[in-house]
């Protein structure tokens, strides 16, 4: 009878160990998901038309008013008035809420958008 009791407690310990491992993995994954928006926002540097004024953005938040033109890494030039001239010559004006990332990608409502004339 001792062998049966020992085998039962061993199965219980193994089940407990598997459950514990799964819980730890789940907590780890949830912590990664919880910090993902912070990591994304940290990379949100660029310029944005905000209430009719061009603002420099740091970590996704308006930091300071733009005081000079900025050339993005893709060659796009953004003027203080919100005019944008892409490297291929297209010109347009940023509307409230539109943002151009430092790499030149246009964002509308927090989502990537196509540059248009």
PDB file of N, CA and C in Angstrom:
ATOM      1  N   UNK A   1       0.811  -1.185   0.000  1.00  0.00           N
ATOM      2  CA  UNK A   1       0.000   0.000   0.000  1.00  0.00           C
ATOM      3  C   UNK A   1       0.862   1.259   0.000  1.00  0.00           C
ATOM      4  N   UNK A   2       2.021   1.171   0.530  1.00  0.00           N
ATOM      5  CA  UNK A   2       2.917   2.320   0.565  1.00  0.00           C
ATOM      6  C   UNK A   2       3.310   2.744  -0.842  1.00  0.00           C
ATOM      7  N   UNK A   3       3.524   1.759  -1.745  1.00  0.00           N
ATOM      8  CA  UNK A   3       3.890   2.087  -3.120  1.00  0.00           C
ATOM      9  C   UNK A   3       2.793   2.862  -3.824  1.00  0.00           C
ATOM     10  N   UNK A   4       1.515   2.467  -3.590  1.00  0.00           N
ATOM     11  CA  UNK A   4       0.408   3.188  -4.212  1.00  0.00           C
ATOM     12  C   UNK A   4       0.332   4.619  -3.693  1.00  0.00           C
ATOM     13  N   UNK A   5       0.524   4.806  -2.417  1.00  0.00           N
ATOM     14  CA  UNK A   5       0.481   6.147  -1.832  1.00  0.00           C
ATOM     15  C   UNK A   5       1.617   6.994  -2.385  1.00  0.00           C
ATOM     16  N   UNK A   6       2.780   6.409  -2.528  1.00  0.00           N
ATOM     17  CA  UNK A   6       3.936   7.124  -3.071  1.00  0.00           C
ATOM     18  C   UNK A   6       3.692   7.511  -4.524  1.00  0.00           C
ATOM     19  N   UNK A   7       3.147   6.608  -5.329  1.00  0.00           N
ATOM     20  CA  UNK A   7       2.865   6.874  -6.739  1.00  0.00           C
ATOM     21  C   UNK A   7       1.816   7.979  -6.866  1.00  0.00           C
ATOM     22  N   UNK A   8       0.810   7.985  -6.014  1.00  0.00           N
ATOM     23  CA  UNK A   8      -0.227   9.010  -6.048  1.00  0.00           C
ATOM     24  C   UNK A   8       0.332  10.381  -5.708  1.00  0.00           C
ATOM     25  N   UNK A   9       1.188  10.460  -4.715  1.00  0.00           N
ATOM     26  CA  UNK A   9       1.749  11.751  -4.334  1.00  0.00           C
ATOM     27  C   UNK A   9       2.723  12.245  -5.410  1.00  0.00           C
ATOM     28  N   UNK A  10       3.411  11.311  -6.079  1.00  0.00           N
ATOM     29  CA  UNK A  10       4.316  11.698  -7.163  1.00  0.00           C
ATOM     30  C   UNK A  10       3.518  12.285  -8.328  1.00  0.00           C
ATOM     31  N   UNK A  11       2.377  11.668  -8.685  1.00  0.00           N
ATOM     32  CA  UNK A  11       1.525  12.194  -9.755  1.00  0.00           C
ATOM     33  C   UNK A  11       0.994  13.579  -9.388  1.00  0.00           C
ATOM     34  N   UNK A  12       0.606  13.739  -8.146  1.00  0.00           N
ATOM     35  CA  UNK A  12       0.091  15.030  -7.682  1.00  0.00           C
ATOM     36  C   UNK A  12       1.175  16.099  -7.787  1.00  0.00           C
ATOM     37  N   UNK A  13       2.398  15.758  -7.378  1.00  0.00           N
ATOM     38  CA  UNK A  13       3.502  16.723  -7.466  1.00  0.00           C
ATOM     39  C   UNK A  13       3.808  17.078  -8.917  1.00  0.00           C
ATOM     40  N   UNK A  14       3.754  16.115  -9.813  1.00  0.00           N
ATOM     41  CA  UNK A  14       4.017  16.369 -11.229  1.00  0.00           C
ATOM     42  C   UNK A  14       2.938  17.273 -11.824  1.00  0.00           C
ATOM     43  N   UNK A  15       1.674  17.018 -11.462  1.00  0.00           N
ATOM     44  CA  UNK A  15       0.578  17.872 -11.936  1.00  0.00           C
ATOM     45  C   UNK A  15       0.768  19.302 -11.437  1.00  0.00           C
ATOM     46  N   UNK A  16       1.104  19.423 -10.166  1.00  0.00           N
ATOM     47  CA  UNK A  16       1.323  20.736  -9.562  1.00  0.00           C
ATOM     48  C   UNK A  16       2.480  21.447 -10.257  1.00  0.00           C
ATOM     49  N   UNK A  17       3.544  20.714 -10.556  1.00  0.00           N
ATOM     50  CA  UNK A  17       4.695  21.296 -11.235  1.00  0.00           C
ATOM     51  C   UNK A  17       4.312  21.785 -12.635  1.00  0.00           C
ATOM     52  N   UNK A  18       3.543  20.978 -13.385  1.00  0.00           N
ATOM     53  CA  UNK A  18       3.115  21.387 -14.728  1.00  0.00           C
ATOM     54  C   UNK A  18       2.219  22.628 -14.665  1.00  0.00           C
ATOM     55  N   UNK A  19       1.312  22.659 -13.711  1.00  0.00           N
ATOM     56  CA  UNK A  19       0.426  23.819 -13.560  1.00  0.00           C
ATOM     57  C   UNK A  19       1.244  25.058 -13.211  1.00  0.00           C
ATOM     58  N   UNK A  20       2.199  24.908 -12.315  1.00  0.00           N
ATOM     59  CA  UNK A  20       3.054  26.021 -11.911  1.00  0.00           C
ATOM     60  C   UNK A  20       3.853  26.542 -13.100  1.00  0.00           C
ATOM     61  N   UNK A  21       4.410  25.632 -13.893  1.00  0.00           N
ATOM     62  CA  UNK A  21       5.171  26.045 -15.082  1.00  0.00           C
ATOM     63  C   UNK A  21       4.280  26.821 -16.051  1.00  0.00           C
ATOM     64  N   UNK A  22       3.069  26.346 -16.245  1.00  0.00           N
ATOM     65  CA  UNK A  22       2.143  27.034 -17.155  1.00  0.00           C
ATOM     66  C   UNK A  22       1.762  28.415 -16.627  1.00  0.00           C
ATOM     67  N   UNK A  23       1.547  28.512 -15.335  1.00  0.00           N
ATOM     68  CA  UNK A  23       1.226  29.807 -14.737  1.00  0.00           C
ATOM     69  C   UNK A  23       2.376  30.791 -14.891  1.00  0.00           C
ATOM     70  N   UNK A  24       3.583  30.332 -14.678  1.00  0.00           N
ATOM     71  CA  UNK A  24       4.750  31.203 -14.821  1.00  0.00           C
ATOM     72  C   UNK A  24       4.878  31.667 -16.272  1.00  0.00           C
ATOM     73  N   UNK A  25       4.689  30.746 -17.210  1.00  0.00           N
ATOM     74  CA  UNK A  25       4.755  31.109 -18.632  1.00  0.00           C
ATOM     75  C   UNK A  25       3.665  32.121 -18.981  1.00  0.00           C
ATOM     76  N   UNK A  26       2.459  31.916 -18.465  1.00  0.00           N
ATOM     77  CA  UNK A  26       1.353  32.833 -18.744  1.00  0.00           C
ATOM     78  C   UNK A  26       1.641  34.223 -18.168  1.00  0.00           C
ATOM     79  N   UNK A  27       2.149  34.279 -16.965  1.00  0.00           N
ATOM     80  CA  UNK A  27       2.476  35.565 -16.335  1.00  0.00           C
ATOM     81  C   UNK A  27       3.560  36.275 -17.138  1.00  0.00           C
ATOM     82  N   UNK A  28       4.558  35.531 -17.584  1.00  0.00           N
ATOM     83  CA  UNK A  28       5.629  36.110 -18.393  1.00  0.00           C
ATOM     84  C   UNK A  28       5.075  36.695 -19.690  1.00  0.00           C
ATOM     85  N   UNK A  29       4.230  35.933 -20.381  1.00  0.00           N
ATOM     86  CA  UNK A  29       3.653  36.415 -21.633  1.00  0.00           C
ATOM     87  C   UNK A  29       2.767  37.647 -21.406  1.00  0.00           C
ATOM     88  N   UNK A  30       1.983  37.633 -20.348  1.00  0.00           N
ATOM     89  CA  UNK A  30       1.146  38.796 -20.042  1.00  0.00           C
ATOM     90  C   UNK A  30       1.986  40.027 -19.746  1.00  0.00           C
ATOM     91  N   UNK A  31       3.108  39.844 -19.054  1.00  0.00           N
ATOM     92  CA  UNK A  31       3.971  40.990 -18.761  1.00  0.00           C
ATOM     93  C   UNK A  31       4.576  41.548 -20.044  1.00  0.00           C
ATOM     94  N   UNK A  32       4.908  40.679 -21.007  1.00  0.00           N
ATOM     95  CA  UNK A  32       5.416  41.152 -22.294  1.00  0.00           C
ATOM     96  C   UNK A  32       4.347  41.936 -23.041  1.00  0.00           C
ATOM     97  N   UNK A  33       3.129  41.434 -23.041  1.00  0.00           N
ATOM     98  CA  UNK A  33       2.039  42.117 -23.726  1.00  0.00           C
ATOM     99  C   UNK A  33       1.719  43.460 -23.079  1.00  0.00           C
ATOM    100  N   UNK A  34       1.830  43.513 -21.765  1.00  0.00           N
ATOM    101  CA  UNK A  34       1.522  44.749 -21.048  1.00  0.00           C
ATOM    102  C   UNK A  34       2.544  45.840 -21.343  1.00  0.00           C
ATOM    103  N   UNK A  35       3.794  45.463 -21.584  1.00  0.00           N
ATOM    104  CA  UNK A  35       4.822  46.471 -21.841  1.00  0.00           C
ATOM    105  C   UNK A  35       5.001  46.764 -23.319  1.00  0.00           C
ATOM    106  N   UNK A  36       4.371  46.006 -24.207  1.00  0.00           N
ATOM    107  CA  UNK A  36       4.512  46.234 -25.648  1.00  0.00           C
ATOM    108  C   UNK A  36       4.075  47.636 -26.067  1.00  0.00           C
ATOM    109  N   UNK A  37       2.928  48.151 -25.598  1.00  0.00           N
ATOM    110  CA  UNK A  37       2.561  49.517 -25.992  1.00  0.00           C
ATOM    111  C   UNK A  37       3.586  50.549 -25.545  1.00  0.00           C
ATOM    112  N   UNK A  38       4.228  50.343 -24.409  1.00  0.00           N
ATOM    113  CA  UNK A  38       5.251  51.281 -23.946  1.00  0.00           C
ATOM    114  C   UNK A  38       6.446  51.262 -24.878  1.00  0.00           C
ATOM    115  N   UNK A  39       6.839  50.072 -25.309  1.00  0.00           N
ATOM    116  CA  UNK A  39       7.963  49.955 -26.232  1.00  0.00           C
ATOM    117  C   UNK A  39       7.613  50.599 -27.562  1.00  0.00           C
ATOM    118  N   UNK A  40       6.379  50.426 -28.021  1.00  0.00           N
ATOM    119  CA  UNK A  40       5.949  51.027 -29.279  1.00  0.00           C
ATOM    120  C   UNK A  40       5.951  52.547 -29.158  1.00  0.00           C
ATOM    121  N   UNK A  41       5.403  53.057 -28.084  1.00  0.00           N
ATOM    122  CA  UNK A  41       5.340  54.506 -27.887  1.00  0.00           C
ATOM    123  C   UNK A  41       6.731  55.112 -27.782  1.00  0.00           C
ATOM    124  N   UNK A  42       7.671  54.376 -27.225  1.00  0.00           N
ATOM    125  CA  UNK A  42       9.032  54.887 -27.093  1.00  0.00           C
ATOM    126  C   UNK A  42       9.648  55.159 -28.452  1.00  0.00           C
ATOM    127  N   UNK A  43       9.231  54.426 -29.471  1.00  0.00           N
ATOM    128  CA  UNK A  43       9.748  54.627 -30.807  1.00  0.00           C
ATOM    129  C   UNK A  43       8.957  55.637 -31.611  1.00  0.00           C
ATOM    130  N   UNK A  44       7.980  56.303 -30.998  1.00  0.00           N
ATOM    131  CA  UNK A  44       7.098  57.237 -31.701  1.00  0.00           C
ATOM    132  C   UNK A  44       7.675  58.649 -31.685  1.00  0.00           C
ATOM    133  N   UNK A  45       8.823  58.831 -32.302  1.00  0.00           N
ATOM    134  CA  UNK A  45       9.407  60.159 -32.426  1.00  0.00           C
ATOM    135  C   UNK A  45       9.134  60.676 -33.827  1.00  0.00           C
ATOM    136  N   UNK A  46       8.775  61.937 -33.915  1.00  0.00           N
ATOM    137  CA  UNK A  46       8.497  62.545 -35.211  1.00  0.00           C
ATOM    138  C   UNK A  46       7.918  63.930 -35.012  1.00  0.00           C
ATOM    139  N   UNK A  47       7.094  64.350 -35.981  1.00  0.00           N
ATOM    140  CA  UNK A  47       6.418  65.647 -35.888  1.00  0.00           C
ATOM    141  C   UNK A  47       4.939  65.430 -36.151  1.00  0.00           C
ATOM    142  N   UNK A  48       4.101  66.285 -35.532  1.00  0.00           N
ATOM    143  CA  UNK A  48       2.659  66.110 -35.638  1.00  0.00           C
ATOM    144  C   UNK A  48       1.967  67.458 -35.705  1.00  0.00           C
ATOM    145  N   UNK A  49       0.926  67.520 -36.542  1.00  0.00           N
ATOM    146  CA  UNK A  49       0.069  68.705 -36.553  1.00  0.00           C
ATOM    147  C   UNK A  49      -0.898  68.535 -35.392  1.00  0.00           C
ATOM    148  N   UNK A  50      -0.831  69.440 -34.425  1.00  0.00           N
ATOM    149  CA  UNK A  50      -1.641  69.351 -33.206  1.00  0.00           C
ATOM    150  C   UNK A  50      -2.281  70.713 -32.963  1.00  0.00           C
ATOM    151  N   UNK A  51      -3.603  70.768 -33.069  1.00  0.00           N
ATOM    152  CA  UNK A  51      -4.345  72.026 -32.885  1.00  0.00           C
ATOM    153  C   UNK A  51      -3.805  73.139 -33.778  1.00  0.00           C
ATOM    154  N   UNK A  52      -3.489  72.793 -35.033  1.00  0.00           N
ATOM    155  CA  UNK A  52      -3.035  73.792 -36.000  1.00  0.00           C
ATOM    156  C   UNK A  52      -1.579  74.184 -35.879  1.00  0.00           C
ATOM    157  N   UNK A  53      -0.842  73.555 -34.977  1.00  0.00           N
ATOM    158  CA  UNK A  53       0.581  73.868 -34.796  1.00  0.00           C
ATOM    159  C   UNK A  53       1.399  72.597 -34.966  1.00  0.00           C
ATOM    160  N   UNK A  54       2.563  72.738 -35.559  1.00  0.00           N
ATOM    161  CA  UNK A  54       3.465  71.595 -35.708  1.00  0.00           C
ATOM    162  C   UNK A  54       4.234  71.397 -34.404  1.00  0.00           C
ATOM    163  N   UNK A  55       4.192  70.165 -33.913  1.00  0.00           N
ATOM    164  CA  UNK A  55       4.835  69.819 -32.646  1.00  0.00           C
ATOM    165  C   UNK A  55       5.852  68.706 -32.864  1.00  0.00           C
ATOM    166  N   UNK A  56       6.970  68.807 -32.166  1.00  0.00           N
ATOM    167  CA  UNK A  56       7.933  67.708 -32.110  1.00  0.00           C
ATOM    168  C   UNK A  56       7.353  66.664 -31.167  1.00  0.00           C
ATOM    169  N   UNK A  57       7.459  65.405 -31.547  1.00  0.00           N
ATOM    170  CA  UNK A  57       6.935  64.311 -30.726  1.00  0.00           C
ATOM    171  C   UNK A  57       8.093  63.486 -30.171  1.00  0.00           C
ATOM    172  N   UNK A  58       8.025  63.212 -28.886  1.00  0.00           N
ATOM    173  CA  UNK A  58       8.997  62.340 -28.217  1.00  0.00           C
ATOM    174  C   UNK A  58       8.215  61.265 -27.491  1.00  0.00           C
ATOM    175  N   UNK A  59       8.529  60.021 -27.786  1.00  0.00           N
ATOM    176  CA  UNK A  59       7.850  58.870 -27.166  1.00  0.00           C
ATOM    177  C   UNK A  59       6.332  58.970 -27.321  1.00  0.00           C
ATOM    178  N   UNK A  60       5.901  59.488 -28.478  1.00  0.00           N
ATOM    179  CA  UNK A  60       4.476  59.547 -28.772  1.00  0.00           C
ATOM    180  C   UNK A  60       3.728  60.697 -28.141  1.00  0.00           C
ATOM    181  N   UNK A  61       4.421  61.600 -27.466  1.00  0.00           N
ATOM    182  CA  UNK A  61       3.778  62.740 -26.802  1.00  0.00           C
ATOM    183  C   UNK A  61       4.312  64.048 -27.362  1.00  0.00           C
ATOM    184  N   UNK A  62       3.430  65.067 -27.538  1.00  0.00           N
ATOM    185  CA  UNK A  62       3.922  66.373 -27.992  1.00  0.00           C
ATOM    186  C   UNK A  62       4.955  66.909 -27.000  1.00  0.00           C
ATOM    187  N   UNK A  63       6.127  67.295 -27.507  1.00  0.00           N
ATOM    188  CA  UNK A  63       7.196  67.756 -26.624  1.00  0.00           C
ATOM    189  C   UNK A  63       7.371  69.268 -26.729  1.00  0.00           C
ATOM    190  N   UNK A  64       7.708  69.764 -27.927  1.00  0.00           N
ATOM    191  CA  UNK A  64       7.919  71.199 -28.117  1.00  0.00           C
ATOM    192  C   UNK A  64       7.390  71.601 -29.487  1.00  0.00           C
ATOM    193  N   UNK A  65       7.130  72.893 -29.634  1.00  0.00           N
ATOM    194  CA  UNK A  65       6.703  73.410 -30.931  1.00  0.00           C
ATOM    195  C   UNK A  65       7.875  73.334 -31.904  1.00  0.00           C
ATOM    196  N   UNK A  66       7.579  73.002 -33.149  1.00  0.00           N
ATOM    197  CA  UNK A  66       8.602  72.945 -34.187  1.00  0.00           C
ATOM    198  C   UNK A  66       9.034  74.370 -34.504  1.00  0.00           C
ATOM    199  N   UNK A  67      10.338  74.639 -34.565  1.00  0.00           N
ATOM    200  CA  UNK A  67      10.801  75.994 -34.837  1.00  0.00           C
ATOM    201  C   UNK A  67      11.643  76.099 -36.107  1.00  0.00           C
ATOM    202  N   UNK A  68      11.815  74.984 -36.819  1.00  0.00           N
ATOM    203  CA  UNK A  68      12.567  74.989 -38.071  1.00  0.00           C
ATOM    204  C   UNK A  68      12.180  73.761 -38.884  1.00  0.00           C
ATOM    205  N   UNK A  69      12.502  73.771 -40.167  1.00  0.00           N
ATOM    206  CA  UNK A  69      12.192  72.610 -41.000  1.00  0.00           C
ATOM    207  C   UNK A  69      13.025  71.412 -40.548  1.00  0.00           C
ATOM    208  N   UNK A  70      12.482  70.245 -40.822  1.00  0.00           N
ATOM    209  CA  UNK A  70      13.164  69.001 -40.433  1.00  0.00           C
ATOM    210  C   UNK A  70      13.220  68.095 -41.655  1.00  0.00           C
ATOM    211  N   UNK A  71      14.385  67.494 -41.874  1.00  0.00           N
ATOM    212  CA  UNK A  71      14.534  66.504 -42.934  1.00  0.00           C
ATOM    213  C   UNK A  71      14.516  65.122 -42.282  1.00  0.00           C
ATOM    214  N   UNK A  72      13.563  64.307 -42.728  1.00  0.00           N
ATOM    215  CA  UNK A  72      13.431  62.955 -42.195  1.00  0.00           C
ATOM    216  C   UNK A  72      14.481  62.035 -42.834  1.00  0.00           C
ATOM    217  N   UNK A  73      14.666  60.874 -42.250  1.00  0.00           N
ATOM    218  CA  UNK A  73      15.713  59.968 -42.740  1.00  0.00           C
ATOM    219  C   UNK A  73      15.464  59.478 -44.155  1.00  0.00           C
ATOM    220  N   UNK A  74      14.210  59.531 -44.639  1.00  0.00           N
ATOM    221  CA  UNK A  74      13.921  59.106 -46.011  1.00  0.00           C
ATOM    222  C   UNK A  74      14.041  60.259 -47.008  1.00  0.00           C
ATOM    223  N   UNK A  75      14.432  61.456 -46.518  1.00  0.00           N
ATOM    224  CA  UNK A  75      14.608  62.613 -47.387  1.00  0.00           C
ATOM    225  C   UNK A  75      13.434  63.564 -47.422  1.00  0.00           C
ATOM    226  N   UNK A  76      12.290  63.193 -46.827  1.00  0.00           N
ATOM    227  CA  UNK A  76      11.126  64.093 -46.779  1.00  0.00           C
ATOM    228  C   UNK A  76      11.479  65.316 -45.936  1.00  0.00           C
ATOM    229  N   UNK A  77      10.985  66.483 -46.383  1.00  0.00           N
ATOM    230  CA  UNK A  77      11.228  67.723 -45.651  1.00  0.00           C
ATOM    231  C   UNK A  77       9.893  68.220 -45.114  1.00  0.00           C
ATOM    232  N   UNK A  78       9.856  68.468 -43.801  1.00  0.00           N
ATOM    233  CA  UNK A  78       8.644  68.950 -43.140  1.00  0.00           C
ATOM    234  C   UNK A  78       8.905  70.387 -42.682  1.00  0.00           C
ATOM    235  N   UNK A  79       8.023  71.302 -43.127  1.00  0.00           N
ATOM    236  CA  UNK A  79       8.145  72.722 -42.776  1.00  0.00           C
ATOM    237  C   UNK A  79       7.367  73.021 -41.499  1.00  0.00           C
ATOM    238  N   UNK A  80       7.666  74.152 -40.902  1.00  0.00           N
ATOM    239  CA  UNK A  80       7.020  74.581 -39.656  1.00  0.00           C
ATOM    240  C   UNK A  80       5.509  74.751 -39.825  1.00  0.00           C
ATOM    241  N   UNK A  81       5.057  75.084 -41.043  1.00  0.00           N
ATOM    242  CA  UNK A  81       3.615  75.273 -41.273  1.00  0.00           C
ATOM    243  C   UNK A  81       2.885  73.963 -41.568  1.00  0.00           C
ATOM    244  N   UNK A  82       3.611  72.823 -41.572  1.00  0.00           N
ATOM    245  CA  UNK A  82       2.992  71.523 -41.829  1.00  0.00           C
ATOM    246  C   UNK A  82       3.082  71.058 -43.265  1.00  0.00           C
ATOM    247  N   UNK A  83       3.721  71.860 -44.131  1.00  0.00           N
ATOM    248  CA  UNK A  83       3.932  71.440 -45.516  1.00  0.00           C
ATOM    249  C   UNK A  83       4.983  70.342 -45.540  1.00  0.00           C
ATOM    250  N   UNK A  84       4.731  69.347 -46.390  1.00  0.00           N
ATOM    251  CA  UNK A  84       5.650  68.217 -46.510  1.00  0.00           C
ATOM    252  C   UNK A  84       6.010  68.048 -47.978  1.00  0.00           C
ATOM    253  N   UNK A  85       7.281  67.887 -48.232  1.00  0.00           N
ATOM    254  CA  UNK A  85       7.751  67.579 -49.582  1.00  0.00           C
ATOM    255  C   UNK A  85       8.532  66.274 -49.490  1.00  0.00           C
ATOM    256  N   UNK A  86       7.986  65.239 -50.156  1.00  0.00           N
ATOM    257  CA  UNK A  86       8.663  63.947 -50.120  1.00  0.00           C
ATOM    258  C   UNK A  86       9.855  63.962 -51.068  1.00  0.00           C
ATOM    259  N   UNK A  87      10.719  62.977 -50.917  1.00  0.00           N
ATOM    260  CA  UNK A  87      11.929  62.898 -51.723  1.00  0.00           C
ATOM    261  C   UNK A  87      11.606  62.828 -53.222  1.00  0.00           C
ATOM    262  N   UNK A  88      10.471  62.202 -53.565  1.00  0.00           N
ATOM    263  CA  UNK A  88      10.098  62.073 -54.981  1.00  0.00           C
ATOM    264  C   UNK A  88       9.333  63.295 -55.502  1.00  0.00           C
ATOM    265  N   UNK A  89       9.244  64.385 -54.696  1.00  0.00           N
ATOM    266  CA  UNK A  89       8.655  65.633 -55.146  1.00  0.00           C
ATOM    267  C   UNK A  89       7.196  65.855 -54.796  1.00  0.00           C
ATOM    268  N   UNK A  90       6.508  64.853 -54.235  1.00  0.00           N
ATOM    269  CA  UNK A  90       5.105  65.047 -53.850  1.00  0.00           C
ATOM    270  C   UNK A  90       5.034  66.051 -52.701  1.00  0.00           C
ATOM    271  N   UNK A  91       4.037  66.925 -52.769  1.00  0.00           N
ATOM    272  CA  UNK A  91       3.845  67.916 -51.713  1.00  0.00           C
ATOM    273  C   UNK A  91       2.423  67.821 -51.169  1.00  0.00           C
ATOM    274  N   UNK A  92       2.293  67.967 -49.872  1.00  0.00           N
ATOM    275  CA  UNK A  92       0.982  68.005 -49.225  1.00  0.00           C
ATOM    276  C   UNK A  92       1.122  68.720 -47.897  1.00  0.00           C
ATOM    277  N   UNK A  93      -0.010  68.944 -47.247  1.00  0.00           N
ATOM    278  CA  UNK A  93      -0.026  69.657 -45.965  1.00  0.00           C
ATOM    279  C   UNK A  93      -0.612  68.737 -44.907  1.00  0.00           C
ATOM    280  N   UNK A  94       0.052  68.623 -43.768  1.00  0.00           N
ATOM    281  CA  UNK A  94      -0.458  67.782 -42.681  1.00  0.00           C
ATOM    282  C   UNK A  94      -1.740  68.372 -42.100  1.00  0.00           C
ATOM    283  N   UNK A  95      -2.676  67.517 -41.788  1.00  0.00           N
ATOM    284  CA  UNK A  95      -3.923  67.899 -41.129  1.00  0.00           C
ATOM    285  C   UNK A  95      -3.802  67.584 -39.635  1.00  0.00           C
ATOM    286  N   UNK A  96      -4.685  68.175 -38.819  1.00  0.00           N
ATOM    287  CA  UNK A  96      -4.663  67.901 -37.380  1.00  0.00           C
ATOM    288  C   UNK A  96      -4.682  66.397 -37.124  1.00  0.00           C
ATOM    289  N   UNK A  97      -3.799  65.953 -36.248  1.00  0.00           N
ATOM    290  CA  UNK A  97      -3.727  64.543 -35.870  1.00  0.00           C
ATOM    291  C   UNK A  97      -2.792  63.712 -36.736  1.00  0.00           C
ATOM    292  N   UNK A  98      -2.345  64.247 -37.860  1.00  0.00           N
ATOM    293  CA  UNK A  98      -1.414  63.502 -38.708  1.00  0.00           C
ATOM    294  C   UNK A  98       0.009  63.694 -38.194  1.00  0.00           C
ATOM    295  N   UNK A  99       0.776  62.634 -38.315  1.00  0.00           N
ATOM    296  CA  UNK A  99       2.140  62.627 -37.780  1.00  0.00           C
ATOM    297  C   UNK A  99       3.075  62.014 -38.810  1.00  0.00           C
ATOM    298  N   UNK A 100       4.265  62.553 -38.897  1.00  0.00           N
ATOM    299  CA  UNK A 100       5.299  61.939 -39.727  1.00  0.00           C
ATOM    300  C   UNK A 100       6.412  61.485 -38.789  1.00  0.00           C
ATOM    301  N   UNK A 101       6.682  60.180 -38.876  1.00  0.00           N
ATOM    302  CA  UNK A 101       7.736  59.596 -38.052  1.00  0.00           C
ATOM    303  C   UNK A 101       9.096  60.062 -38.580  1.00  0.00           C
ATOM    304  N   UNK A 102      10.134  59.940 -37.776  1.00  0.00           N
ATOM    305  CA  UNK A 102      11.463  60.383 -38.186  1.00  0.00           C
ATOM    306  C   UNK A 102      11.968  59.610 -39.403  1.00  0.00           C
ATOM    307  N   UNK A 103      11.427  58.415 -39.640  1.00  0.00           N
ATOM    308  CA  UNK A 103      11.833  57.655 -40.833  1.00  0.00           C
ATOM    309  C   UNK A 103      11.027  58.053 -42.066  1.00  0.00           C
ATOM    310  N   UNK A 104      10.087  59.019 -41.912  1.00  0.00           N
ATOM    311  CA  UNK A 104       9.320  59.522 -43.039  1.00  0.00           C
ATOM    312  C   UNK A 104       7.953  58.896 -43.229  1.00  0.00           C
ATOM    313  N   UNK A 105       7.586  57.922 -42.414  1.00  0.00           N
ATOM    314  CA  UNK A 105       6.268  57.294 -42.545  1.00  0.00           C
ATOM    315  C   UNK A 105       5.180  58.197 -41.989  1.00  0.00           C
ATOM    316  N   UNK A 106       4.092  58.316 -42.749  1.00  0.00           N
ATOM    317  CA  UNK A 106       2.942  59.118 -42.339  1.00  0.00           C
ATOM    318  C   UNK A 106       2.005  58.271 -41.489  1.00  0.00           C
ATOM    319  N   UNK A 107       1.507  58.858 -40.408  1.00  0.00           N
ATOM    320  CA  UNK A 107       0.559  58.180 -39.516  1.00  0.00           C
ATOM    321  C   UNK A 107      -0.691  59.045 -39.414  1.00  0.00           C
ATOM    322  N   UNK A 108      -1.857  58.380 -39.511  1.00  0.00           N
ATOM    323  CA  UNK A 108      -3.159  59.047 -39.298  1.00  0.00           C
ATOM    324  C   UNK A 108      -3.901  58.265 -38.239  1.00  0.00           C
ATOM    325  N   UNK A 109      -4.276  58.921 -37.176  1.00  0.00           N
ATOM    326  CA  UNK A 109      -5.020  58.241 -36.117  1.00  0.00           C
ATOM    327  C   UNK A 109      -4.245  57.093 -35.511  1.00  0.00           C
ATOM    328  N   UNK A 110      -2.910  57.223 -35.453  1.00  0.00           N
ATOM    329  CA  UNK A 110      -2.063  56.186 -34.865  1.00  0.00           C
ATOM    330  C   UNK A 110      -1.799  55.013 -35.788  1.00  0.00           C
ATOM    331  N   UNK A 111      -2.271  55.102 -37.047  1.00  0.00           N
ATOM    332  CA  UNK A 111      -2.083  53.998 -37.987  1.00  0.00           C
ATOM    333  C   UNK A 111      -1.288  54.497 -39.206  1.00  0.00           C
ATOM    334  N   UNK A 112      -0.491  53.631 -39.801  1.00  0.00           N
ATOM    335  CA  UNK A 112       0.246  54.038 -41.010  1.00  0.00           C
ATOM    336  C   UNK A 112      -0.723  54.455 -42.110  1.00  0.00           C
ATOM    337  N   UNK A 113      -0.315  55.461 -42.887  1.00  0.00           N
ATOM    338  CA  UNK A 113      -1.140  55.970 -43.982  1.00  0.00           C
ATOM    339  C   UNK A 113      -0.265  56.230 -45.194  1.00  0.00           C
ATOM    340  N   UNK A 114      -0.894  56.316 -46.343  1.00  0.00           N
ATOM    341  CA  UNK A 114      -0.178  56.643 -47.583  1.00  0.00           C
ATOM    342  C   UNK A 114      -0.064  58.142 -47.716  1.00  0.00           C
ATOM    343  N   UNK A 115       1.086  58.607 -48.207  1.00  0.00           N
ATOM    344  CA  UNK A 115       1.237  60.027 -48.487  1.00  0.00           C
ATOM    345  C   UNK A 115       0.504  60.325 -49.785  1.00  0.00           C
ATOM    346  N   UNK A 116      -0.297  61.384 -49.772  1.00  0.00           N
ATOM    347  CA  UNK A 116      -1.028  61.770 -50.977  1.00  0.00           C
ATOM    348  C   UNK A 116      -0.829  63.242 -51.223  1.00  0.00           C
ATOM    349  N   UNK A 117      -1.254  63.681 -52.406  1.00  0.00           N
ATOM    350  CA  UNK A 117      -1.101  65.107 -52.739  1.00  0.00           C
ATOM    351  C   UNK A 117      -2.285  65.889 -52.244  1.00  0.00           C
TER     352      UNK A 117
END
